[in-house]
PDB file of N, CA and C in Angstrom:
ATOM      1  N   MET A   1      -4.365  14.876   6.634  1.00  0.00           N
ATOM      2  CA  MET A   1      -5.424  14.575   5.465  1.00  0.00           C
ATOM      3  C   MET A   1      -4.572  15.227   4.173  1.00  0.00           C
ATOM      4  N   SER A   2      -4.421  14.477   2.876  1.00  0.00           N
ATOM      5  CA  SER A   2      -3.805  14.711   1.615  1.00  0.00           C
ATOM      6  C   SER A   2      -4.936  16.206   1.177  1.00  0.00           C
ATOM      7  N   ASN A   3      -4.416  17.079   0.704  1.00  0.00           N
ATOM      8  CA  ASN A   3      -4.957  18.404  -0.337  1.00  0.00           C
ATOM      9  C   ASN A   3      -5.096  17.448  -1.974  1.00  0.00           C
ATOM     10  N   ASN A   4      -4.808  16.118  -1.688  1.00  0.00           N
ATOM     11  CA  ASN A   4      -4.909  15.957  -3.349  1.00  0.00           C
ATOM     12  C   ASN A   4      -6.293  15.577  -3.703  1.00  0.00           C
ATOM     13  N   VAL A   5      -6.722  15.912  -4.589  1.00  0.00           N
ATOM     14  CA  VAL A   5      -8.500  15.781  -5.054  1.00  0.00           C
ATOM     15  C   VAL A   5      -8.512  14.154  -5.917  1.00  0.00           C
ATOM     16  N   ALA A   6      -7.469  13.930  -6.384  1.00  0.00           N
ATOM     17  CA  ALA A   6      -7.551  12.665  -7.102  1.00  0.00           C
ATOM     18  C   ALA A   6      -6.606  11.856  -7.097  1.00  0.00           C
ATOM     19  N   THR A   7      -6.572  10.465  -7.477  1.00  0.00           N
ATOM     20  CA  THR A   7      -5.711   9.429  -7.445  1.00  0.00           C
ATOM     21  C   THR A   7      -5.420   8.968  -8.758  1.00  0.00           C
ATOM     22  N   VAL A   8      -4.508   8.918  -9.196  1.00  0.00           N
ATOM     23  CA  VAL A   8      -4.397   8.362 -11.059  1.00  0.00           C
ATOM     24  C   VAL A   8      -3.444   7.328 -10.790  1.00  0.00           C
ATOM     25  N   TYR A   9      -4.066   6.168 -11.065  1.00  0.00           N
ATOM     26  CA  TYR A   9      -3.428   5.041 -11.046  1.00  0.00           C
ATOM     27  C   TYR A   9      -2.657   4.478 -12.607  1.00  0.00           C
ATOM     28  N   VAL A  10      -1.380   4.491 -12.316  1.00  0.00           N
ATOM     29  CA  VAL A  10      -0.427   4.372 -13.637  1.00  0.00           C
ATOM     30  C   VAL A  10       0.776   2.698 -13.912  1.00  0.00           C
ATOM     31  N   THR A  11       0.783   2.599 -15.204  1.00  0.00           N
ATOM     32  CA  THR A  11       2.048   2.079 -14.951  1.00  0.00           C
ATOM     33  C   THR A  11       2.862   2.631 -15.774  1.00  0.00           C
ATOM     34  N   SER A  12       4.148   1.991 -15.571  1.00  0.00           N
ATOM     35  CA  SER A  12       5.355   2.907 -16.390  1.00  0.00           C
ATOM     36  C   SER A  12       5.384   2.873 -17.823  1.00  0.00           C
ATOM     37  N   THR A  13       4.801   2.262 -18.781  1.00  0.00           N
ATOM     38  CA  THR A  13       4.625   2.248 -20.000  1.00  0.00           C
ATOM     39  C   THR A  13       3.404   2.782 -20.706  1.00  0.00           C
ATOM     40  N   CYS A  14       2.718   3.196 -20.376  1.00  0.00           N
ATOM     41  CA  CYS A  14       1.274   3.227 -20.646  1.00  0.00           C
ATOM     42  C   CYS A  14       0.960   4.770 -20.912  1.00  0.00           C
ATOM     43  N   PRO A  15       1.225   5.165 -22.359  1.00  0.00           N
ATOM     44  CA  PRO A  15       1.134   6.667 -22.872  1.00  0.00           C
ATOM     45  C   PRO A  15      -0.224   7.224 -22.375  1.00  0.00           C
ATOM     46  N   PHE A  16      -1.119   6.700 -22.486  1.00  0.00           N
ATOM     47  CA  PHE A  16      -2.745   7.022 -21.821  1.00  0.00           C
ATOM     48  C   PHE A  16      -2.564   7.684 -20.359  1.00  0.00           C
ATOM     49  N   CYS A  17      -1.552   7.053 -19.306  1.00  0.00           N
ATOM     50  CA  CYS A  17      -1.422   7.211 -17.929  1.00  0.00           C
ATOM     51  C   CYS A  17      -0.673   8.383 -18.226  1.00  0.00           C
ATOM     52  N   THR A  18       0.553   8.731 -19.035  1.00  0.00           N
ATOM     53  CA  THR A  18       1.176  10.138 -19.113  1.00  0.00           C
ATOM     54  C   THR A  18       0.483  10.915 -19.560  1.00  0.00           C
ATOM     55  N   MET A  19      -0.554  11.006 -20.609  1.00  0.00           N
ATOM     56  CA  MET A  19      -1.368  11.725 -20.949  1.00  0.00           C
ATOM     57  C   MET A  19      -2.602  12.284 -19.750  1.00  0.00           C
ATOM     58  N   MET A  20      -2.606  11.127 -18.935  1.00  0.00           N
ATOM     59  CA  MET A  20      -3.406  11.880 -17.807  1.00  0.00           C
ATOM     60  C   MET A  20      -2.713  12.454 -17.183  1.00  0.00           C
ATOM     61  N   THR A  21      -1.402  12.168 -16.527  1.00  0.00           N
ATOM     62  CA  THR A  21      -0.528  12.684 -15.653  1.00  0.00           C
ATOM     63  C   THR A  21      -0.680  14.226 -15.939  1.00  0.00           C
ATOM     64  N   ASN A  22      -0.174  14.156 -17.133  1.00  0.00           N
ATOM     65  CA  ASN A  22       0.193  15.609 -17.817  1.00  0.00           C
ATOM     66  C   ASN A  22      -0.836  16.507 -17.635  1.00  0.00           C
ATOM     67  N   TYR A  23      -2.173  16.094 -18.093  1.00  0.00           N
ATOM     68  CA  TYR A  23      -3.241  16.718 -17.818  1.00  0.00           C
ATOM     69  C   TYR A  23      -3.844  17.055 -16.382  1.00  0.00           C
ATOM     70  N   MET A  24      -3.709  16.600 -15.826  1.00  0.00           N
ATOM     71  CA  MET A  24      -3.817  17.094 -14.539  1.00  0.00           C
ATOM     72  C   MET A  24      -2.788  18.088 -13.955  1.00  0.00           C
ATOM     73  N   LYS A  25      -1.277  17.864 -14.329  1.00  0.00           N
ATOM     74  CA  LYS A  25      -0.503  19.030 -13.678  1.00  0.00           C
ATOM     75  C   LYS A  25      -0.961  20.227 -14.699  1.00  0.00           C
ATOM     76  N   GLU A  26      -0.764  19.908 -15.918  1.00  0.00           N
ATOM     77  CA  GLU A  26      -1.257  21.283 -16.717  1.00  0.00           C
ATOM     78  C   GLU A  26      -2.470  22.282 -16.395  1.00  0.00           C
ATOM     79  N   ASN A  27      -3.338  21.156 -15.783  1.00  0.00           N
ATOM     80  CA  ASN A  27      -4.385  22.041 -15.193  1.00  0.00           C
ATOM     81  C   ASN A  27      -4.322  22.073 -14.066  1.00  0.00           C
ATOM     82  N   ASN A  28      -3.191  22.043 -12.829  1.00  0.00           N
ATOM     83  CA  ASN A  28      -3.161  22.267 -11.859  1.00  0.00           C
ATOM     84  C   ASN A  28      -3.952  21.514 -10.798  1.00  0.00           C
ATOM     85  N   ILE A  29      -4.797  20.329 -11.024  1.00  0.00           N
ATOM     86  CA  ILE A  29      -5.602  19.442 -10.669  1.00  0.00           C
ATOM     87  C   ILE A  29      -4.865  18.592  -9.385  1.00  0.00           C
ATOM     88  N   PRO A  30      -4.797  19.002  -8.150  1.00  0.00           N
ATOM     89  CA  PRO A  30      -3.657  18.536  -7.235  1.00  0.00           C
ATOM     90  C   PRO A  30      -4.305  16.809  -7.143  1.00  0.00           C
ATOM     91  N   HIS A  31      -3.010  16.148  -7.200  1.00  0.00           N
ATOM     92  CA  HIS A  31      -3.410  14.442  -7.351  1.00  0.00           C
ATOM     93  C   HIS A  31      -2.242  13.891  -6.862  1.00  0.00           C
ATOM     94  N   GLU A  32      -2.506  12.637  -6.930  1.00  0.00           N
ATOM     95  CA  GLU A  32      -1.519  11.830  -6.439  1.00  0.00           C
ATOM     96  C   GLU A  32      -1.618  10.626  -7.366  1.00  0.00           C
ATOM     97  N   THR A  33      -0.449  10.067  -7.607  1.00  0.00           N
ATOM     98  CA  THR A  33      -0.029   9.013  -8.790  1.00  0.00           C
ATOM     99  C   THR A  33       0.527   7.693  -8.256  1.00  0.00           C
ATOM    100  N   VAL A  34      -0.114   6.825  -8.251  1.00  0.00           N
ATOM    101  CA  VAL A  34       0.141   5.292  -7.669  1.00  0.00           C
ATOM    102  C   VAL A  34       0.625   4.601  -9.418  1.00  0.00           C
ATOM    103  N   ASN A  35       1.716   4.095  -9.116  1.00  0.00           N
ATOM    104  CA  ASN A  35       2.051   3.401 -10.378  1.00  0.00           C
ATOM    105  C   ASN A  35       2.127   1.713  -9.606  1.00  0.00           C
ATOM    106  N   VAL A  36       0.875   1.135 -10.077  1.00  0.00           N
ATOM    107  CA  VAL A  36       0.618  -0.355  -9.969  1.00  0.00           C
ATOM    108  C   VAL A  36       1.251  -1.560 -10.343  1.00  0.00           C
ATOM    109  N   GLN A  37       2.466  -0.832 -11.107  1.00  0.00           N
ATOM    110  CA  GLN A  37       3.555  -1.937 -11.381  1.00  0.00           C
ATOM    111  C   GLN A  37       4.372  -1.987 -10.452  1.00  0.00           C
ATOM    112  N   LEU A  38       4.270  -1.123 -10.050  1.00  0.00           N
ATOM    113  CA  LEU A  38       5.795  -1.116  -8.381  1.00  0.00           C
ATOM    114  C   LEU A  38       4.940  -1.363  -7.199  1.00  0.00           C
ATOM    115  N   ASP A  39       3.516  -1.381  -7.333  1.00  0.00           N
ATOM    116  CA  ASP A  39       2.855  -1.501  -6.042  1.00  0.00           C
ATOM    117  C   ASP A  39       1.909  -2.491  -6.363  1.00  0.00           C
ATOM    118  N   ARG A  40       2.101  -3.956  -6.019  1.00  0.00           N
ATOM    119  CA  ARG A  40       1.047  -4.684  -6.640  1.00  0.00           C
ATOM    120  C   ARG A  40       0.044  -5.119  -5.776  1.00  0.00           C
ATOM    121  N   GLU A  41      -0.177  -4.448  -4.310  1.00  0.00           N
ATOM    122  CA  GLU A  41      -1.236  -4.292  -3.571  1.00  0.00           C
ATOM    123  C   GLU A  41      -2.152  -3.632  -3.666  1.00  0.00           C
ATOM    124  N   ALA A  42      -1.459  -2.083  -4.563  1.00  0.00           N
ATOM    125  CA  ALA A  42      -2.560  -0.957  -4.855  1.00  0.00           C
ATOM    126  C   ALA A  42      -3.154  -1.922  -6.079  1.00  0.00           C
ATOM    127  N   ALA A  43      -2.174  -2.405  -7.041  1.00  0.00           N
ATOM    128  CA  ALA A  43      -2.684  -3.262  -7.864  1.00  0.00           C
ATOM    129  C   ALA A  43      -4.059  -4.316  -7.773  1.00  0.00           C
ATOM    130  N   VAL A  44      -4.126  -4.763  -6.977  1.00  0.00           N
ATOM    131  CA  VAL A  44      -4.927  -5.853  -6.652  1.00  0.00           C
ATOM    132  C   VAL A  44      -6.325  -4.901  -6.066  1.00  0.00           C
ATOM    133  N   ARG A  45      -6.113  -4.065  -4.767  1.00  0.00           N
ATOM    134  CA  ARG A  45      -7.029  -3.160  -5.014  1.00  0.00           C
ATOM    135  C   ARG A  45      -7.594  -2.585  -5.599  1.00  0.00           C
ATOM    136  N   LEU A  46      -7.097  -1.945  -6.630  1.00  0.00           N
ATOM    137  CA  LEU A  46      -7.933  -1.327  -8.181  1.00  0.00           C
ATOM    138  C   LEU A  46      -8.657  -2.191  -8.600  1.00  0.00           C
ATOM    139  N   VAL A  47      -8.110  -3.556  -8.998  1.00  0.00           N
ATOM    140  CA  VAL A  47      -9.099  -4.464  -9.755  1.00  0.00           C
ATOM    141  C   VAL A  47      -9.986  -5.064  -8.558  1.00  0.00           C
ATOM    142  N   GLN A  48      -9.837  -5.101  -7.671  1.00  0.00           N
ATOM    143  CA  GLN A  48     -11.129  -5.486  -6.648  1.00  0.00           C
ATOM    144  C   GLN A  48     -12.239  -4.436  -6.553  1.00  0.00           C
ATOM    145  N   THR A  49     -11.866  -3.057  -6.365  1.00  0.00           N
ATOM    146  CA  THR A  49     -12.409  -1.844  -6.658  1.00  0.00           C
ATOM    147  C   THR A  49     -13.411  -1.495  -7.639  1.00  0.00           C
ATOM    148  N   THR A  50     -12.984  -1.578  -9.058  1.00  0.00           N
ATOM    149  CA  THR A  50     -13.338  -1.056  -9.902  1.00  0.00           C
ATOM    150  C   THR A  50     -13.656  -2.278 -11.247  1.00  0.00           C
ATOM    151  N   GLY A  51     -13.030  -3.254 -10.634  1.00  0.00           N
ATOM    152  CA  GLY A  51     -13.255  -4.836 -11.822  1.00  0.00           C
ATOM    153  C   GLY A  51     -12.601  -4.517 -12.818  1.00  0.00           C
ATOM    154  N   GLN A  52     -11.778  -3.659 -12.967  1.00  0.00           N
ATOM    155  CA  GLN A  52     -11.157  -3.229 -14.338  1.00  0.00           C
ATOM    156  C   GLN A  52      -9.336  -3.322 -13.967  1.00  0.00           C
ATOM    157  N   GLN A  53      -8.615  -3.791 -15.182  1.00  0.00           N
ATOM    158  CA  GLN A  53      -7.406  -3.811 -15.112  1.00  0.00           C
ATOM    159  C   GLN A  53      -6.742  -3.160 -15.963  1.00  0.00           C
ATOM    160  N   GLY A  54      -7.402  -2.477 -17.051  1.00  0.00           N
ATOM    161  CA  GLY A  54      -6.572  -1.633 -17.573  1.00  0.00           C
ATOM    162  C   GLY A  54      -6.265  -0.612 -16.880  1.00  0.00           C
ATOM    163  N   VAL A  55      -5.172   0.707 -17.011  1.00  0.00           N
ATOM    164  CA  VAL A  55      -5.061   1.935 -16.629  1.00  0.00           C
ATOM    165  C   VAL A  55      -4.705   3.080 -17.765  1.00  0.00           C
ATOM    166  N   PRO A  56      -5.000   4.247 -17.667  1.00  0.00           N
ATOM    167  CA  PRO A  56      -5.309   4.809 -16.117  1.00  0.00           C
ATOM    168  C   PRO A  56      -6.201   4.638 -15.707  1.00  0.00           C
ATOM    169  N   GLN A  57      -6.459   4.902 -14.705  1.00  0.00           N
ATOM    170  CA  GLN A  57      -7.847   4.815 -13.598  1.00  0.00           C
ATOM    171  C   GLN A  57      -7.651   5.502 -12.842  1.00  0.00           C
ATOM    172  N   THR A  58      -8.852   6.786 -12.536  1.00  0.00           N
ATOM    173  CA  THR A  58      -8.417   8.002 -11.778  1.00  0.00           C
ATOM    174  C   THR A  58      -9.769   7.841 -10.819  1.00  0.00           C
ATOM    175  N   GLU A  59      -9.618   8.099  -9.738  1.00  0.00           N
ATOM    176  CA  GLU A  59     -10.506   8.700  -8.605  1.00  0.00           C
ATOM    177  C   GLU A  59     -10.578   9.885  -8.339  1.00  0.00           C
ATOM    178  N   ILE A  60     -11.842  10.539  -8.702  1.00  0.00           N
ATOM    179  CA  ILE A  60     -11.830  11.957  -7.876  1.00  0.00           C
ATOM    180  C   ILE A  60     -13.087  11.873  -7.217  1.00  0.00           C
ATOM    181  N   ASN A  61     -13.226  12.251  -6.397  1.00  0.00           N
ATOM    182  CA  ASN A  61     -14.392  12.428  -5.349  1.00  0.00           C
ATOM    183  C   ASN A  61     -15.620  11.515  -5.324  1.00  0.00           C
ATOM    184  N   GLY A  62     -15.007  10.278  -5.095  1.00  0.00           N
ATOM    185  CA  GLY A  62     -15.222   8.580  -5.119  1.00  0.00           C
ATOM    186  C   GLY A  62     -15.975   8.170  -6.550  1.00  0.00           C
ATOM    187  N   LYS A  63     -15.558   9.248  -7.678  1.00  0.00           N
ATOM    188  CA  LYS A  63     -16.316   8.781  -9.107  1.00  0.00           C
ATOM    189  C   LYS A  63     -15.010   7.955  -9.863  1.00  0.00           C
ATOM    190  N   TRP A  64     -15.156   7.071 -10.318  1.00  0.00           N
ATOM    191  CA  TRP A  64     -13.870   6.596 -10.857  1.00  0.00           C
ATOM    192  C   TRP A  64     -13.847   6.468 -12.510  1.00  0.00           C
ATOM    193  N   ILE A  65     -13.171   7.051 -13.286  1.00  0.00           N
ATOM    194  CA  ILE A  65     -12.870   7.434 -14.552  1.00  0.00           C
ATOM    195  C   ILE A  65     -11.618   6.311 -15.344  1.00  0.00           C
ATOM    196  N   ILE A  66     -12.062   5.364 -16.224  1.00  0.00           N
ATOM    197  CA  ILE A  66     -11.440   5.081 -16.511  1.00  0.00           C
ATOM    198  C   ILE A  66     -10.826   5.253 -18.189  1.00  0.00           C
ATOM    199  N   GLY A  67      -9.505   4.988 -18.130  1.00  0.00           N
ATOM    200  CA  GLY A  67      -8.817   5.842 -19.641  1.00  0.00           C
ATOM    201  C   GLY A  67      -8.632   7.517 -19.308  1.00  0.00           C
ATOM    202  N   PHE A  68      -8.105   7.790 -20.376  1.00  0.00           N
ATOM    203  CA  PHE A  68      -7.867   9.341 -20.630  1.00  0.00           C
ATOM    204  C   PHE A  68      -9.055   9.750 -21.125  1.00  0.00           C
ATOM    205  N   ASP A  69      -9.673  10.353 -20.392  1.00  0.00           N
ATOM    206  CA  ASP A  69     -11.044  11.683 -20.560  1.00  0.00           C
ATOM    207  C   ASP A  69     -11.430  12.629 -19.764  1.00  0.00           C
ATOM    208  N   PRO A  70     -10.334  13.473 -20.411  1.00  0.00           N
ATOM    209  CA  PRO A  70     -10.808  15.366 -19.592  1.00  0.00           C
ATOM    210  C   PRO A  70     -11.724  15.544 -19.564  1.00  0.00           C
ATOM    211  N   ASP A  71     -12.790  14.958 -20.393  1.00  0.00           N
ATOM    212  CA  ASP A  71     -14.191  15.585 -20.009  1.00  0.00           C
ATOM    213  C   ASP A  71     -14.696  15.147 -18.554  1.00  0.00           C
ATOM    214  N   ALA A  72     -14.298  13.635 -18.852  1.00  0.00           N
ATOM    215  CA  ALA A  72     -15.209  13.101 -17.572  1.00  0.00           C
ATOM    216  C   ALA A  72     -14.271  13.240 -16.203  1.00  0.00           C
ATOM    217  N   VAL A  73     -13.367  13.895 -16.518  1.00  0.00           N
ATOM    218  CA  VAL A  73     -12.409  14.611 -15.186  1.00  0.00           C
ATOM    219  C   VAL A  73     -12.751  15.952 -14.953  1.00  0.00           C
ATOM    220  N   GLN A  74     -13.056  16.462 -15.677  1.00  0.00           N
ATOM    221  CA  GLN A  74     -14.331  17.921 -15.463  1.00  0.00           C
ATOM    222  C   GLN A  74     -15.300  17.552 -14.836  1.00  0.00           C
ATOM    223  N   GLU A  75     -16.147  16.904 -15.122  1.00  0.00           N
ATOM    224  CA  GLU A  75     -17.494  16.966 -14.648  1.00  0.00           C
ATOM    225  C   GLU A  75     -17.425  15.896 -13.130  1.00  0.00           C
ATOM    226  N   ALA A  76     -16.572  15.579 -13.072  1.00  0.00           N
ATOM    227  CA  ALA A  76     -16.179  14.459 -11.448  1.00  0.00           C
ATOM    228  C   ALA A  76     -15.439  15.845 -10.686  1.00  0.00           C
ATOM    229  N   LEU A  77     -14.803  16.730 -11.506  1.00  0.00           N
ATOM    230  CA  LEU A  77     -14.256  17.927 -10.373  1.00  0.00           C
ATOM    231  C   LEU A  77     -15.662  18.661  -9.819  1.00  0.00           C
ATOM    232  N   LYS A  78     -16.714  18.734 -10.561  1.00  0.00           N
ATOM    233  CA  LYS A  78     -17.895  19.847 -10.231  1.00  0.00           C
ATOM    234  C   LYS A  78     -18.475  19.208  -8.720  1.00  0.00           C
ATOM    235  N   GLY A  79     -18.249  17.786  -8.757  1.00  0.00           N
ATOM    236  CA  GLY A  79     -18.674  17.266  -7.307  1.00  0.00           C
ATOM    237  C   GLY A  79     -19.429  16.395  -7.733  1.00  0.00           C
TER     238      GLY A  79
END
């Protein structure tokens, strides 16, 4: 089982995705990054799950955060 507490879905050209992954690294939040530009199956699953096509989308403890939202990340980490 993974020690990651979060999964961040990104694309290669999204500045907000870079901001989110940098925020996760800077705050030592274990996470997996999935590039939906390179993984079409993950992209389809993401849209089916959240109904959203935009990125970044971050899943933490079963909660979804759409966009770059550090406050929502901290709230989701609380459980």
